[in-house]
Structures are given as C-alpha cells and as structure tokens.
Amino acid sequence: MAQIHLDRLRARPLSWSSISSWEYDRERWAKKYLENVVEPPSKAMDFGKVIGERLASDPSFLPSVPRLPIFEHGIKYTFAGIPLVGYIDSYCPDTPAFYEYKTSGNVKKWNKKSVKEHGQIDMYAMLIYVAHGIPPEKLTIKLVYIPVVESGSFELEIGKESVQVFPVKKTMKDVLMFASKLKKTYKDMEEFAKEYNSIST
C-alpha cells in the first residue's frame, strides 16, 4: 500500500490546491491526494467557478474587474523532478501580465500584506519564468478580490462592497525562495505518504 500511495502522489502534477490543502490539514490532504477520495465542491468553490466563467464570457459583467485576453491559462512543467501544474485566471504573454480572481465573504481576508504573502502568486510567477522565460520583475501582477455574501436562501451572491484590486510586485528572489520551499514541501509530502501508508495498513 505504501508504494501505491507514493506512486499516486508522484503521478499527479502538484497544484497550488494541493499545496494549500497540505498546509491546512495533512490528514485531509492525504485522503484526497493519496487515497483519491473525491470531495464534493463547496458552495464557495462552485460560486467562484461560475464567477470566473462569466468574467471570461461576458465583458459587461462586473466591468470594474480588470481582464486580460487569455483565461484559465494552463502551465505544466517539471521542476527539479516535480511535475507542476497551474491554471492562471487571466493572462497576457505580451504585456506580460497575470491576474488572479478571489471571491470571499470575509472582507478582511485580502489586504496588502496577505496578498504579498500569498504563495499562489509566487508559484505562478515561478511557472511563468521556468516555462515561458519571463522574469518576475517584468510581470504586471494583480490579485482581484470580489466580495460575496450569503443571501436569505443560503445561496451566494455578489456583495455590495467594491471590487478591490491589489497590484503585486515579485522579484527573482521571491521565485527562488518559493522554489526552495517547493522542493522541501514535496519531499515532506513524500515522507508523509510513506508514514501515512504504514499507519493505514
């Protein structure tokens, strides 16, 4: 069983979702990424997907949200033996630039500090550099926060607060630091998979 679960980890490209799940709850991460237990998407995840799709298809929807010409730009790249994958919400190779859209009911979640420390931005800046050769200093990066609220019927809808756009600056130092953290994280995942399997057998 240990080898089966380790093979599953290595066969699946590492995404930001996996990294953030690992950092949040390792047992829950193991269920999803080692045992292939499918979790039903939450209302918040479904709503965020709907918003992203509508931003891509309807220019009149939320006109205050900045857009780039390419939506859901996928990058797959093997770095230091680690298969990686990322899907950038909005991307332009010519500017060059990328934007990430975030929906949340917590109006205090995103601020200059939390945006600067958000590892997904570092990961995508790294992927763009290693896959496309664009250094992070040349990228125009923005995190766009779209507030949402729960309606009386327990469904989500766009909140009344204004959309917030946070410019982000990244450097090669940020990319190198993330790359180092990424290699350690993946090694820790492999070690955890071995220990987790020995416990679960």
Foldseek 3Di string as FASTA:
>chain_A
DLVQLLVQLQVDADEVVLVVCCVPDVVVSCCCRRVVDDDDDDLQVVVVVVVLVCVLPPCVPQVVDDAAPDAQDWFWDQDPSGTHIYTFGHADPVQGEGEAEEEDQPPPCDDQVNVQVDCNVLVVQLRCCVPVVDFQQSYWYKYKYFYWDQDPVRHIDTDPDRIDIDTYGDHVVSNVVSSVVVVVSSVVVSVVSNVVVVVVD
